[in-house]
Amino acid sequence: MDQIFLNGLVFFGRHGCYASENELGQKFVVDIELSCDLTAAAASDKLEDTLDYVRIYNLARETVEGPPVKLLETVAGRIADAALGEAGVLAVKVRINKPHIALPGALDGVGVEISRERNNE
């Protein structure tokens, strides 16, 4: 299966369990891996034969910058579900990193990774 990557997307959101996270907000870093068939695009060199990267980017941006939720799992799940709804996407993996987290020690951040596949019913 072929892959398209959107890595290191940085958005400002207000997600978290604490009031300060919702009020102040913070940076979220999103990576998206899309599984699809790129045979036609590779052969034709035509934009209409591949996935619309801009559309996927905007789906992620709208989700992260949208209404706050408590869990990163919810944010990642919503991005995955939206991406999976796009034509041609067979599977998706979404990784979200929250680099500025208040924990008693040094770390680069916390995050989640969610994988979803198209249901072929």
PDB file of N, CA and C in Angstrom:
ATOM      1  N   MET A   1       0.848  -1.179   0.000  1.00  0.00           N
ATOM      2  CA  MET A   1       0.000   0.000   0.000  1.00  0.00           C
ATOM      3  C   MET A   1       0.890   1.237   0.000  1.00  0.00           C
ATOM      4  N   ASP A   2       0.490   2.246  -0.730  1.00  0.00           N
ATOM      5  CA  ASP A   2       1.242   3.489  -0.832  1.00  0.00           C
ATOM      6  C   ASP A   2       0.900   4.418   0.341  1.00  0.00           C
ATOM      7  N   GLN A   3       1.802   5.357   0.609  1.00  0.00           N
ATOM      8  CA  GLN A   3       1.638   6.257   1.756  1.00  0.00           C
ATOM      9  C   GLN A   3       1.857   7.709   1.340  1.00  0.00           C
ATOM     10  N   ILE A   4       1.088   8.578   1.939  1.00  0.00           N
ATOM     11  CA  ILE A   4       1.318  10.022   1.870  1.00  0.00           C
ATOM     12  C   ILE A   4       1.472  10.497   3.304  1.00  0.00           C
ATOM     13  N   PHE A   5       2.504  11.322   3.542  1.00  0.00           N
ATOM     14  CA  PHE A   5       2.771  11.826   4.884  1.00  0.00           C
ATOM     15  C   PHE A   5       2.581  13.333   4.955  1.00  0.00           C
ATOM     16  N   LEU A   6       1.973  13.786   6.018  1.00  0.00           N
ATOM     17  CA  LEU A   6       1.965  15.202   6.389  1.00  0.00           C
ATOM     18  C   LEU A   6       2.558  15.229   7.790  1.00  0.00           C
ATOM     19  N   ASN A   7       3.771  15.698   7.921  1.00  0.00           N
ATOM     20  CA  ASN A   7       4.490  15.621   9.191  1.00  0.00           C
ATOM     21  C   ASN A   7       4.780  17.001   9.760  1.00  0.00           C
ATOM     22  N   GLY A   8       4.707  17.081  11.080  1.00  0.00           N
ATOM     23  CA  GLY A   8       5.095  18.296  11.773  1.00  0.00           C
ATOM     24  C   GLY A   8       4.137  19.458  11.594  1.00  0.00           C
ATOM     25  N   LEU A   9       2.854  19.161  11.420  1.00  0.00           N
ATOM     26  CA  LEU A   9       1.866  20.230  11.313  1.00  0.00           C
ATOM     27  C   LEU A   9       1.698  20.847  12.699  1.00  0.00           C
ATOM     28  N   VAL A  10       1.853  22.153  12.808  1.00  0.00           N
ATOM     29  CA  VAL A  10       1.785  22.822  14.100  1.00  0.00           C
ATOM     30  C   VAL A  10       0.561  23.722  14.139  1.00  0.00           C
ATOM     31  N   PHE A  11      -0.280  23.488  15.146  1.00  0.00           N
ATOM     32  CA  PHE A  11      -1.505  24.271  15.319  1.00  0.00           C
ATOM     33  C   PHE A  11      -1.625  24.695  16.782  1.00  0.00           C
ATOM     34  N   PHE A  12      -2.383  25.732  17.014  1.00  0.00           N
ATOM     35  CA  PHE A  12      -2.651  26.210  18.363  1.00  0.00           C
ATOM     36  C   PHE A  12      -4.061  25.784  18.747  1.00  0.00           C
ATOM     37  N   GLY A  13      -4.174  25.084  19.880  1.00  0.00           N
ATOM     38  CA  GLY A  13      -5.472  24.615  20.336  1.00  0.00           C
ATOM     39  C   GLY A  13      -5.643  24.824  21.825  1.00  0.00           C
ATOM     40  N   ARG A  14      -6.842  24.544  22.293  1.00  0.00           N
ATOM     41  CA  ARG A  14      -7.185  24.748  23.708  1.00  0.00           C
ATOM     42  C   ARG A  14      -7.713  23.467  24.352  1.00  0.00           C
ATOM     43  N   HIS A  15      -7.101  22.347  23.996  1.00  0.00           N
ATOM     44  CA  HIS A  15      -7.548  21.050  24.483  1.00  0.00           C
ATOM     45  C   HIS A  15      -6.834  20.675  25.780  1.00  0.00           C
ATOM     46  N   GLY A  16      -7.548  19.996  26.652  1.00  0.00           N
ATOM     47  CA  GLY A  16      -6.944  19.513  27.884  1.00  0.00           C
ATOM     48  C   GLY A  16      -7.981  19.402  28.984  1.00  0.00           C
ATOM     49  N   CYS A  17      -7.591  18.750  30.048  1.00  0.00           N
ATOM     50  CA  CYS A  17      -8.492  18.511  31.179  1.00  0.00           C
ATOM     51  C   CYS A  17      -8.513  19.661  32.176  1.00  0.00           C
ATOM     52  N   TYR A  18      -7.542  20.560  32.089  1.00  0.00           N
ATOM     53  CA  TYR A  18      -7.437  21.638  33.070  1.00  0.00           C
ATOM     54  C   TYR A  18      -7.912  22.961  32.484  1.00  0.00           C
ATOM     55  N   ALA A  19      -8.552  23.769  33.312  1.00  0.00           N
ATOM     56  CA  ALA A  19      -9.076  25.063  32.870  1.00  0.00           C
ATOM     57  C   ALA A  19      -7.983  25.932  32.254  1.00  0.00           C
ATOM     58  N   SER A  20      -6.787  25.876  32.809  1.00  0.00           N
ATOM     59  CA  SER A  20      -5.689  26.695  32.273  1.00  0.00           C
ATOM     60  C   SER A  20      -5.357  26.306  30.832  1.00  0.00           C
ATOM     61  N   GLU A  21      -5.457  25.015  30.494  1.00  0.00           N
ATOM     62  CA  GLU A  21      -5.191  24.577  29.121  1.00  0.00           C
ATOM     63  C   GLU A  21      -6.242  25.125  28.165  1.00  0.00           C
ATOM     64  N   ASN A  22      -7.488  25.164  28.627  1.00  0.00           N
ATOM     65  CA  ASN A  22      -8.570  25.682  27.793  1.00  0.00           C
ATOM     66  C   ASN A  22      -8.480  27.194  27.646  1.00  0.00           C
ATOM     67  N   GLU A  23      -8.041  27.872  28.681  1.00  0.00           N
ATOM     68  CA  GLU A  23      -7.956  29.338  28.645  1.00  0.00           C
ATOM     69  C   GLU A  23      -6.729  29.827  27.882  1.00  0.00           C
ATOM     70  N   LEU A  24      -5.566  29.273  28.204  1.00  0.00           N
ATOM     71  CA  LEU A  24      -4.312  29.740  27.607  1.00  0.00           C
ATOM     72  C   LEU A  24      -4.035  29.115  26.252  1.00  0.00           C
ATOM     73  N   GLY A  25      -4.406  27.863  26.099  1.00  0.00           N
ATOM     74  CA  GLY A  25      -4.114  27.137  24.870  1.00  0.00           C
ATOM     75  C   GLY A  25      -2.642  26.797  24.767  1.00  0.00           C
ATOM     76  N   GLN A  26      -2.297  26.048  23.737  1.00  0.00           N
ATOM     77  CA  GLN A  26      -0.917  25.653  23.518  1.00  0.00           C
ATOM     78  C   GLN A  26      -0.731  25.072  22.128  1.00  0.00           C
ATOM     79  N   LYS A  27       0.521  24.776  21.815  1.00  0.00           N
ATOM     80  CA  LYS A  27       0.878  24.225  20.518  1.00  0.00           C
ATOM     81  C   LYS A  27       0.636  22.717  20.514  1.00  0.00           C
ATOM     82  N   PHE A  28       0.136  22.216  19.388  1.00  0.00           N
ATOM     83  CA  PHE A  28      -0.027  20.784  19.153  1.00  0.00           C
ATOM     84  C   PHE A  28       0.686  20.469  17.837  1.00  0.00           C
ATOM     85  N   VAL A  29       1.412  19.356  17.816  1.00  0.00           N
ATOM     86  CA  VAL A  29       2.126  18.937  16.612  1.00  0.00           C
ATOM     87  C   VAL A  29       1.475  17.659  16.102  1.00  0.00           C
ATOM     88  N   VAL A  30       1.079  17.671  14.837  1.00  0.00           N
ATOM     89  CA  VAL A  30       0.307  16.574  14.251  1.00  0.00           C
ATOM     90  C   VAL A  30       1.075  15.960  13.078  1.00  0.00           C
ATOM     91  N   ASP A  31       1.134  14.632  13.064  1.00  0.00           N
ATOM     92  CA  ASP A  31       1.649  13.873  11.920  1.00  0.00           C
ATOM     93  C   ASP A  31       0.512  13.003  11.407  1.00  0.00           C
ATOM     94  N   ILE A  32       0.358  12.964  10.094  1.00  0.00           N
ATOM     95  CA  ILE A  32      -0.704  12.164   9.480  1.00  0.00           C
ATOM     96  C   ILE A  32      -0.083  11.284   8.402  1.00  0.00           C
ATOM     97  N   GLU A  33      -0.406  10.005   8.452  1.00  0.00           N
ATOM     98  CA  GLU A  33       0.035   9.052   7.447  1.00  0.00           C
ATOM     99  C   GLU A  33      -1.208   8.484   6.774  1.00  0.00           C
ATOM    100  N   LEU A  34      -1.310   8.672   5.476  1.00  0.00           N
ATOM    101  CA  LEU A  34      -2.470   8.226   4.714  1.00  0.00           C
ATOM    102  C   LEU A  34      -2.078   7.051   3.827  1.00  0.00           C
ATOM    103  N   SER A  35      -2.814   5.974   3.909  1.00  0.00           N
ATOM    104  CA  SER A  35      -2.593   4.823   3.039  1.00  0.00           C
ATOM    105  C   SER A  35      -3.589   4.896   1.894  1.00  0.00           C
ATOM    106  N   CYS A  36      -3.070   4.756   0.682  1.00  0.00           N
ATOM    107  CA  CYS A  36      -3.915   4.880  -0.503  1.00  0.00           C
ATOM    108  C   CYS A  36      -3.209   4.219  -1.685  1.00  0.00           C
ATOM    109  N   ASP A  37      -3.886   4.163  -2.793  1.00  0.00           N
ATOM    110  CA  ASP A  37      -3.302   3.618  -4.010  1.00  0.00           C
ATOM    111  C   ASP A  37      -2.866   4.790  -4.889  1.00  0.00           C
ATOM    112  N   LEU A  38      -1.571   4.959  -5.045  1.00  0.00           N
ATOM    113  CA  LEU A  38      -1.033   6.081  -5.823  1.00  0.00           C
ATOM    114  C   LEU A  38      -0.576   5.664  -7.225  1.00  0.00           C
ATOM    115  N   THR A  39      -1.018   4.500  -7.673  1.00  0.00           N
ATOM    116  CA  THR A  39      -0.619   3.994  -8.982  1.00  0.00           C
ATOM    117  C   THR A  39      -1.003   4.959 -10.100  1.00  0.00           C
ATOM    118  N   ALA A  40      -2.233   5.430 -10.106  1.00  0.00           N
ATOM    119  CA  ALA A  40      -2.692   6.339 -11.171  1.00  0.00           C
ATOM    120  C   ALA A  40      -1.926   7.654 -11.138  1.00  0.00           C
ATOM    121  N   ALA A  41      -1.695   8.211  -9.965  1.00  0.00           N
ATOM    122  CA  ALA A  41      -0.973   9.483  -9.844  1.00  0.00           C
ATOM    123  C   ALA A  41       0.474   9.341 -10.314  1.00  0.00           C
ATOM    124  N   ALA A  42       1.103   8.238  -9.944  1.00  0.00           N
ATOM    125  CA  ALA A  42       2.491   8.018 -10.358  1.00  0.00           C
ATOM    126  C   ALA A  42       2.605   7.885 -11.875  1.00  0.00           C
ATOM    127  N   ALA A  43       1.606   7.279 -12.502  1.00  0.00           N
ATOM    128  CA  ALA A  43       1.637   7.087 -13.952  1.00  0.00           C
ATOM    129  C   ALA A  43       1.242   8.347 -14.720  1.00  0.00           C
ATOM    130  N   SER A  44       0.258   9.085 -14.205  1.00  0.00           N
ATOM    131  CA  SER A  44      -0.284  10.227 -14.962  1.00  0.00           C
ATOM    132  C   SER A  44       0.401  11.554 -14.671  1.00  0.00           C
ATOM    133  N   ASP A  45       0.987  11.702 -13.483  1.00  0.00           N
ATOM    134  CA  ASP A  45       1.566  12.966 -13.031  1.00  0.00           C
ATOM    135  C   ASP A  45       0.512  14.074 -12.997  1.00  0.00           C
ATOM    136  N   LYS A  46      -0.740  13.695 -12.682  1.00  0.00           N
ATOM    137  CA  LYS A  46      -1.846  14.651 -12.624  1.00  0.00           C
ATOM    138  C   LYS A  46      -2.332  14.797 -11.190  1.00  0.00           C
ATOM    139  N   LEU A  47      -2.536  16.025 -10.786  1.00  0.00           N
ATOM    140  CA  LEU A  47      -2.978  16.339  -9.434  1.00  0.00           C
ATOM    141  C   LEU A  47      -4.301  15.664  -9.096  1.00  0.00           C
ATOM    142  N   GLU A  48      -5.201  15.580 -10.056  1.00  0.00           N
ATOM    143  CA  GLU A  48      -6.518  14.997  -9.789  1.00  0.00           C
ATOM    144  C   GLU A  48      -6.466  13.488  -9.522  1.00  0.00           C
ATOM    145  N   ASP A  49      -5.303  12.864  -9.740  1.00  0.00           N
ATOM    146  CA  ASP A  49      -5.167  11.434  -9.503  1.00  0.00           C
ATOM    147  C   ASP A  49      -4.561  11.097  -8.139  1.00  0.00           C
ATOM    148  N   THR A  50      -4.360  12.106  -7.308  1.00  0.00           N
ATOM    149  CA  THR A  50      -3.816  11.862  -5.977  1.00  0.00           C
ATOM    150  C   THR A  50      -4.739  12.469  -4.933  1.00  0.00           C
ATOM    151  N   LEU A  51      -4.364  12.347  -3.667  1.00  0.00           N
ATOM    152  CA  LEU A  51      -5.152  12.943  -2.590  1.00  0.00           C
ATOM    153  C   LEU A  51      -4.872  14.435  -2.493  1.00  0.00           C
ATOM    154  N   ASP A  52      -5.827  15.169  -2.039  1.00  0.00           N
ATOM    155  CA  ASP A  52      -5.692  16.608  -1.856  1.00  0.00           C
ATOM    156  C   ASP A  52      -5.042  16.872  -0.501  1.00  0.00           C
ATOM    157  N   TYR A  53      -3.736  17.114  -0.493  1.00  0.00           N
ATOM    158  CA  TYR A  53      -2.999  17.347   0.748  1.00  0.00           C
ATOM    159  C   TYR A  53      -3.547  18.556   1.490  1.00  0.00           C
ATOM    160  N   VAL A  54      -3.922  19.582   0.742  1.00  0.00           N
ATOM    161  CA  VAL A  54      -4.438  20.805   1.366  1.00  0.00           C
ATOM    162  C   VAL A  54      -5.727  20.500   2.126  1.00  0.00           C
ATOM    163  N   ARG A  55      -6.577  19.681   1.561  1.00  0.00           N
ATOM    164  CA  ARG A  55      -7.828  19.310   2.237  1.00  0.00           C
ATOM    165  C   ARG A  55      -7.539  18.572   3.548  1.00  0.00           C
ATOM    166  N   ILE A  56      -6.600  17.646   3.526  1.00  0.00           N
ATOM    167  CA  ILE A  56      -6.239  16.897   4.729  1.00  0.00           C
ATOM    168  C   ILE A  56      -5.645  17.842   5.772  1.00  0.00           C
ATOM    169  N   TYR A  57      -4.764  18.734   5.339  1.00  0.00           N
ATOM    170  CA  TYR A  57      -4.180  19.736   6.248  1.00  0.00           C
ATOM    171  C   TYR A  57      -5.288  20.560   6.904  1.00  0.00           C
ATOM    172  N   ASN A  58      -6.226  21.018   6.122  1.00  0.00           N
ATOM    173  CA  ASN A  58      -7.316  21.853   6.653  1.00  0.00           C
ATOM    174  C   ASN A  58      -8.223  21.073   7.606  1.00  0.00           C
ATOM    175  N   LEU A  59      -8.443  19.790   7.343  1.00  0.00           N
ATOM    176  CA  LEU A  59      -9.227  18.967   8.270  1.00  0.00           C
ATOM    177  C   LEU A  59      -8.538  18.904   9.636  1.00  0.00           C
ATOM    178  N   ALA A  60      -7.228  18.713   9.620  1.00  0.00           N
ATOM    179  CA  ALA A  60      -6.473  18.663  10.874  1.00  0.00           C
ATOM    180  C   ALA A  60      -6.496  20.022  11.568  1.00  0.00           C
ATOM    181  N   ARG A  61      -6.271  21.083  10.823  1.00  0.00           N
ATOM    182  CA  ARG A  61      -6.260  22.438  11.395  1.00  0.00           C
ATOM    183  C   ARG A  61      -7.604  22.777  12.026  1.00  0.00           C
ATOM    184  N   GLU A  62      -8.684  22.510  11.319  1.00  0.00           N
ATOM    185  CA  GLU A  62     -10.025  22.810  11.836  1.00  0.00           C
ATOM    186  C   GLU A  62     -10.320  22.032  13.110  1.00  0.00           C
ATOM    187  N   THR A  63      -9.822  20.805  13.192  1.00  0.00           N
ATOM    188  CA  THR A  63     -10.058  19.985  14.380  1.00  0.00           C
ATOM    189  C   THR A  63      -9.257  20.505  15.570  1.00  0.00           C
ATOM    190  N   VAL A  64      -7.969  20.751  15.370  1.00  0.00           N
ATOM    191  CA  VAL A  64      -7.127  21.210  16.482  1.00  0.00           C
ATOM    192  C   VAL A  64      -7.504  22.621  16.915  1.00  0.00           C
ATOM    193  N   GLU A  65      -7.785  23.484  15.973  1.00  0.00           N
ATOM    194  CA  GLU A  65      -8.110  24.869  16.305  1.00  0.00           C
ATOM    195  C   GLU A  65      -9.583  25.056  16.660  1.00  0.00           C
ATOM    196  N   GLY A  66     -10.365  23.994  16.557  1.00  0.00           N
ATOM    197  CA  GLY A  66     -11.800  24.048  16.821  1.00  0.00           C
ATOM    198  C   GLY A  66     -12.129  23.960  18.302  1.00  0.00           C
ATOM    199  N   PRO A  67     -13.375  23.646  18.595  1.00  0.00           N
ATOM    200  CA  PRO A  67     -13.835  23.595  19.983  1.00  0.00           C
ATOM    201  C   PRO A  67     -12.983  22.653  20.840  1.00  0.00           C
ATOM    202  N   PRO A  68     -12.672  23.082  22.058  1.00  0.00           N
ATOM    203  CA  PRO A  68     -11.823  22.274  22.931  1.00  0.00           C
ATOM    204  C   PRO A  68     -12.480  20.980  23.381  1.00  0.00           C
ATOM    205  N   VAL A  69     -11.651  19.952  23.500  1.00  0.00           N
ATOM    206  CA  VAL A  69     -12.035  18.681  24.110  1.00  0.00           C
ATOM    207  C   VAL A  69     -11.005  18.365  25.185  1.00  0.00           C
ATOM    208  N   LYS A  70     -11.271  17.374  25.992  1.00  0.00           N
ATOM    209  CA  LYS A  70     -10.372  17.060  27.095  1.00  0.00           C
ATOM    210  C   LYS A  70      -9.175  16.209  26.668  1.00  0.00           C
ATOM    211  N   LEU A  71      -9.392  15.251  25.766  1.00  0.00           N
ATOM    212  CA  LEU A  71      -8.376  14.246  25.493  1.00  0.00           C
ATOM    213  C   LEU A  71      -7.736  14.358  24.114  1.00  0.00           C
ATOM    214  N   LEU A  72      -6.433  14.093  24.064  1.00  0.00           N
ATOM    215  CA  LEU A  72      -5.743  14.000  22.781  1.00  0.00           C
ATOM    216  C   LEU A  72      -6.325  12.868  21.945  1.00  0.00           C
ATOM    217  N   GLU A  73      -6.785  11.821  22.607  1.00  0.00           N
ATOM    218  CA  GLU A  73      -7.392  10.696  21.907  1.00  0.00           C
ATOM    219  C   GLU A  73      -8.595  11.156  21.083  1.00  0.00           C
ATOM    220  N   THR A  74      -9.366  12.081  21.639  1.00  0.00           N
ATOM    221  CA  THR A  74     -10.537  12.610  20.930  1.00  0.00           C
ATOM    222  C   THR A  74     -10.107  13.417  19.716  1.00  0.00           C
ATOM    223  N   VAL A  75      -9.108  14.266  19.890  1.00  0.00           N
ATOM    224  CA  VAL A  75      -8.613  15.089  18.776  1.00  0.00           C
ATOM    225  C   VAL A  75      -8.086  14.190  17.657  1.00  0.00           C
ATOM    226  N   ALA A  76      -7.233  13.230  18.014  1.00  0.00           N
ATOM    227  CA  ALA A  76      -6.659  12.324  17.012  1.00  0.00           C
ATOM    228  C   ALA A  76      -7.740  11.498  16.325  1.00  0.00           C
ATOM    229  N   GLY A  77      -8.709  11.020  17.094  1.00  0.00           N
ATOM    230  CA  GLY A  77      -9.800  10.234  16.520  1.00  0.00           C
ATOM    231  C   GLY A  77     -10.625  11.032  15.528  1.00  0.00           C
ATOM    232  N   ARG A  78     -10.878  12.287  15.844  1.00  0.00           N
ATOM    233  CA  ARG A  78     -11.661  13.128  14.929  1.00  0.00           C
ATOM    234  C   ARG A  78     -10.911  13.405  13.632  1.00  0.00           C
ATOM    235  N   ILE A  79      -9.612  13.649  13.744  1.00  0.00           N
ATOM    236  CA  ILE A  79      -8.808  13.859  12.533  1.00  0.00           C
ATOM    237  C   ILE A  79      -8.789  12.577  11.704  1.00  0.00           C
ATOM    238  N   ALA A  80      -8.582  11.436  12.351  1.00  0.00           N
ATOM    239  CA  ALA A  80      -8.537  10.153  11.635  1.00  0.00           C
ATOM    240  C   ALA A  80      -9.864   9.874  10.933  1.00  0.00           C
ATOM    241  N   ASP A  81     -10.961  10.078  11.631  1.00  0.00           N
ATOM    242  CA  ASP A  81     -12.272   9.821  11.035  1.00  0.00           C
ATOM    243  C   ASP A  81     -12.539  10.737   9.844  1.00  0.00           C
ATOM    244  N   ALA A  82     -12.165  12.007   9.970  1.00  0.00           N
ATOM    245  CA  ALA A  82     -12.366  12.958   8.871  1.00  0.00           C
ATOM    246  C   ALA A  82     -11.510  12.575   7.665  1.00  0.00           C
ATOM    247  N   ALA A  83     -10.256  12.218   7.903  1.00  0.00           N
ATOM    248  CA  ALA A  83      -9.364  11.838   6.799  1.00  0.00           C
ATOM    249  C   ALA A  83      -9.849  10.563   6.131  1.00  0.00           C
ATOM    250  N   LEU A  84     -10.316   9.612   6.916  1.00  0.00           N
ATOM    251  CA  LEU A  84     -10.806   8.349   6.372  1.00  0.00           C
ATOM    252  C   LEU A  84     -12.062   8.548   5.523  1.00  0.00           C
ATOM    253  N   GLY A  85     -12.771   9.644   5.756  1.00  0.00           N
ATOM    254  CA  GLY A  85     -13.946   9.964   4.960  1.00  0.00           C
ATOM    255  C   GLY A  85     -13.625  10.533   3.582  1.00  0.00           C
ATOM    256  N   GLU A  86     -12.363  10.835   3.338  1.00  0.00           N
ATOM    257  CA  GLU A  86     -11.950  11.379   2.046  1.00  0.00           C
ATOM    258  C   GLU A  86     -11.796  10.251   1.020  1.00  0.00           C
ATOM    259  N   ALA A  87     -12.224  10.528  -0.189  1.00  0.00           N
ATOM    260  CA  ALA A  87     -12.126   9.542  -1.269  1.00  0.00           C
ATOM    261  C   ALA A  87     -10.682   9.113  -1.472  1.00  0.00           C
ATOM    262  N   GLY A  88     -10.482   7.810  -1.585  1.00  0.00           N
ATOM    263  CA  GLY A  88      -9.158   7.274  -1.864  1.00  0.00           C
ATOM    264  C   GLY A  88      -8.343   6.907  -0.641  1.00  0.00           C
ATOM    265  N   VAL A  89      -8.747   7.373   0.542  1.00  0.00           N
ATOM    266  CA  VAL A  89      -8.006   7.046   1.761  1.00  0.00           C
ATOM    267  C   VAL A  89      -8.483   5.678   2.254  1.00  0.00           C
ATOM    268  N   LEU A  90      -7.564   4.729   2.321  1.00  0.00           N
ATOM    269  CA  LEU A  90      -7.892   3.376   2.744  1.00  0.00           C
ATOM    270  C   LEU A  90      -7.612   3.155   4.231  1.00  0.00           C
ATOM    271  N   ALA A  91      -6.607   3.867   4.745  1.00  0.00           N
ATOM    272  CA  ALA A  91      -6.262   3.784   6.158  1.00  0.00           C
ATOM    273  C   ALA A  91      -5.538   5.075   6.529  1.00  0.00           C
ATOM    274  N   VAL A  92      -5.551   5.363   7.823  1.00  0.00           N
ATOM    275  CA  VAL A  92      -4.907   6.583   8.297  1.00  0.00           C
ATOM    276  C   VAL A  92      -4.298   6.340   9.664  1.00  0.00           C
ATOM    277  N   LYS A  93      -3.173   6.988   9.901  1.00  0.00           N
ATOM    278  CA  LYS A  93      -2.538   6.981  11.212  1.00  0.00           C
ATOM    279  C   LYS A  93      -2.316   8.443  11.592  1.00  0.00           C
ATOM    280  N   VAL A  94      -2.791   8.827  12.768  1.00  0.00           N
ATOM    281  CA  VAL A  94      -2.642  10.202  13.249  1.00  0.00           C
ATOM    282  C   VAL A  94      -1.860  10.165  14.549  1.00  0.00           C
ATOM    283  N   ARG A  95      -0.812  10.974  14.603  1.00  0.00           N
ATOM    284  CA  ARG A  95      -0.008  11.109  15.809  1.00  0.00           C
ATOM    285  C   ARG A  95      -0.074  12.573  16.250  1.00  0.00           C
ATOM    286  N   ILE A  96      -0.433  12.791  17.517  1.00  0.00           N
ATOM    287  CA  ILE A  96      -0.481  14.149  18.061  1.00  0.00           C
ATOM    288  C   ILE A  96       0.452  14.233  19.254  1.00  0.00           C
ATOM    289  N   ASN A  97       1.300  15.245  19.234  1.00  0.00           N
ATOM    290  CA  ASN A  97       2.223  15.500  20.324  1.00  0.00           C
ATOM    291  C   ASN A  97       1.846  16.830  20.972  1.00  0.00           C
ATOM    292  N   LYS A  98       1.798  16.813  22.277  1.00  0.00           N
ATOM    293  CA  LYS A  98       1.528  18.014  23.068  1.00  0.00           C
ATOM    294  C   LYS A  98       2.851  18.336  23.777  1.00  0.00           C
ATOM    295  N   PRO A  99       3.661  19.230  23.174  1.00  0.00           N
ATOM    296  CA  PRO A  99       5.021  19.432  23.679  1.00  0.00           C
ATOM    297  C   PRO A  99       5.122  20.191  25.003  1.00  0.00           C
ATOM    298  N   HIS A 100       4.137  20.956  25.352  1.00  0.00           N
ATOM    299  CA  HIS A 100       4.215  21.764  26.569  1.00  0.00           C
ATOM    300  C   HIS A 100       3.215  21.239  27.598  1.00  0.00           C
ATOM    301  N   ILE A 101       3.668  20.265  28.339  1.00  0.00           N
ATOM    302  CA  ILE A 101       2.813  19.613  29.316  1.00  0.00           C
ATOM    303  C   ILE A 101       3.442  19.774  30.702  1.00  0.00           C
ATOM    304  N   ALA A 102       2.618  20.028  31.681  1.00  0.00           N
ATOM    305  CA  ALA A 102       3.107  20.236  33.043  1.00  0.00           C
ATOM    306  C   ALA A 102       3.248  18.900  33.763  1.00  0.00           C
ATOM    307  N   LEU A 103       4.449  18.354  33.713  1.00  0.00           N
ATOM    308  CA  LEU A 103       4.773  17.134  34.448  1.00  0.00           C
ATOM    309  C   LEU A 103       6.056  17.393  35.237  1.00  0.00           C
ATOM    310  N   PRO A 104       6.231  16.705  36.347  1.00  0.00           N
ATOM    311  CA  PRO A 104       7.393  16.968  37.191  1.00  0.00           C
ATOM    312  C   PRO A 104       8.668  16.305  36.681  1.00  0.00           C
ATOM    313  N   GLY A 105       9.155  16.767  35.553  1.00  0.00           N
ATOM    314  CA  GLY A 105      10.380  16.221  34.996  1.00  0.00           C
ATOM    315  C   GLY A 105      10.561  16.678  33.561  1.00  0.00           C
ATOM    316  N   ALA A 106      11.739  16.453  33.027  1.00  0.00           N
ATOM    317  CA  ALA A 106      12.047  16.850  31.661  1.00  0.00           C
ATOM    318  C   ALA A 106      11.464  15.857  30.662  1.00  0.00           C
ATOM    319  N   LEU A 107      10.846  16.372  29.635  1.00  0.00           N
ATOM    320  CA  LEU A 107      10.345  15.531  28.549  1.00  0.00           C
ATOM    321  C   LEU A 107      10.063  16.394  27.329  1.00  0.00           C
ATOM    322  N   ASP A 108      10.004  15.757  26.177  1.00  0.00           N
ATOM    323  CA  ASP A 108       9.735  16.468  24.928  1.00  0.00           C
ATOM    324  C   ASP A 108       8.251  16.634  24.673  1.00  0.00           C
ATOM    325  N   GLY A 109       7.420  15.984  25.442  1.00  0.00           N
ATOM    326  CA  GLY A 109       5.983  16.089  25.264  1.00  0.00           C
ATOM    327  C   GLY A 109       5.319  14.745  25.473  1.00  0.00           C
ATOM    328  N   VAL A 110       4.021  14.758  25.387  1.00  0.00           N
ATOM    329  CA  VAL A 110       3.237  13.536  25.447  1.00  0.00           C
ATOM    330  C   VAL A 110       2.375  13.490  24.192  1.00  0.00           C
ATOM    331  N   GLY A 111       1.918  12.321  23.853  1.00  0.00           N
ATOM    332  CA  GLY A 111       1.107  12.237  22.657  1.00  0.00           C
ATOM    333  C   GLY A 111       0.364  10.932  22.548  1.00  0.00           C
ATOM    334  N   VAL A 112      -0.409  10.850  21.474  1.00  0.00           N
ATOM    335  CA  VAL A 112      -1.148   9.636  21.159  1.00  0.00           C
ATOM    336  C   VAL A 112      -1.003   9.349  19.675  1.00  0.00           C
ATOM    337  N   GLU A 113      -1.222   8.096  19.324  1.00  0.00           N
ATOM    338  CA  GLU A 113      -1.247   7.677  17.929  1.00  0.00           C
ATOM    339  C   GLU A 113      -2.475   6.807  17.748  1.00  0.00           C
ATOM    340  N   ILE A 114      -3.259   7.138  16.737  1.00  0.00           N
ATOM    341  CA  ILE A 114      -4.483   6.390  16.449  1.00  0.00           C
ATOM    342  C   ILE A 114      -4.437   5.939  14.994  1.00  0.00           C
ATOM    343  N   SER A 115      -4.785   4.683  14.761  1.00  0.00           N
ATOM    344  CA  SER A 115      -4.842   4.123  13.408  1.00  0.00           C
ATOM    345  C   SER A 115      -6.265   3.679  13.120  1.00  0.00           C
ATOM    346  N   ARG A 116      -6.715   3.972  11.910  1.00  0.00           N
ATOM    347  CA  ARG A 116      -8.053   3.577  11.471  1.00  0.00           C
ATOM    348  C   ARG A 116      -7.965   3.057  10.036  1.00  0.00           C
ATOM    349  N   GLU A 117      -8.841   2.098   9.719  1.00  0.00           N
ATOM    350  CA  GLU A 117      -8.944   1.580   8.353  1.00  0.00           C
ATOM    351  C   GLU A 117     -10.359   1.755   7.857  1.00  0.00           C
ATOM    352  N   ARG A 118     -10.461   1.919   6.546  1.00  0.00           N
ATOM    353  CA  ARG A 118     -11.783   2.027   5.926  1.00  0.00           C
ATOM    354  C   ARG A 118     -12.536   0.715   6.114  1.00  0.00           C
ATOM    355  N   ASN A 119     -13.779   0.819   6.512  1.00  0.00           N
ATOM    356  CA  ASN A 119     -14.625  -0.344   6.676  1.00  0.00           C
ATOM    357  C   ASN A 119     -15.216  -0.678   5.309  1.00  0.00           C
ATOM    358  N   ASN A 120     -14.930  -1.851   4.797  1.00  0.00           N
ATOM    359  CA  ASN A 120     -15.383  -2.233   3.458  1.00  0.00           C
ATOM    360  C   ASN A 120     -16.715  -2.945   3.469  1.00  0.00           C
ATOM    361  N   GLU A 121     -17.687  -2.393   4.173  1.00  0.00           N
ATOM    362  CA  GLU A 121     -19.012  -3.024   4.228  1.00  0.00           C
ATOM    363  C   GLU A 121     -19.773  -2.774   2.944  1.00  0.00           C
TER     364      GLU A 121
END
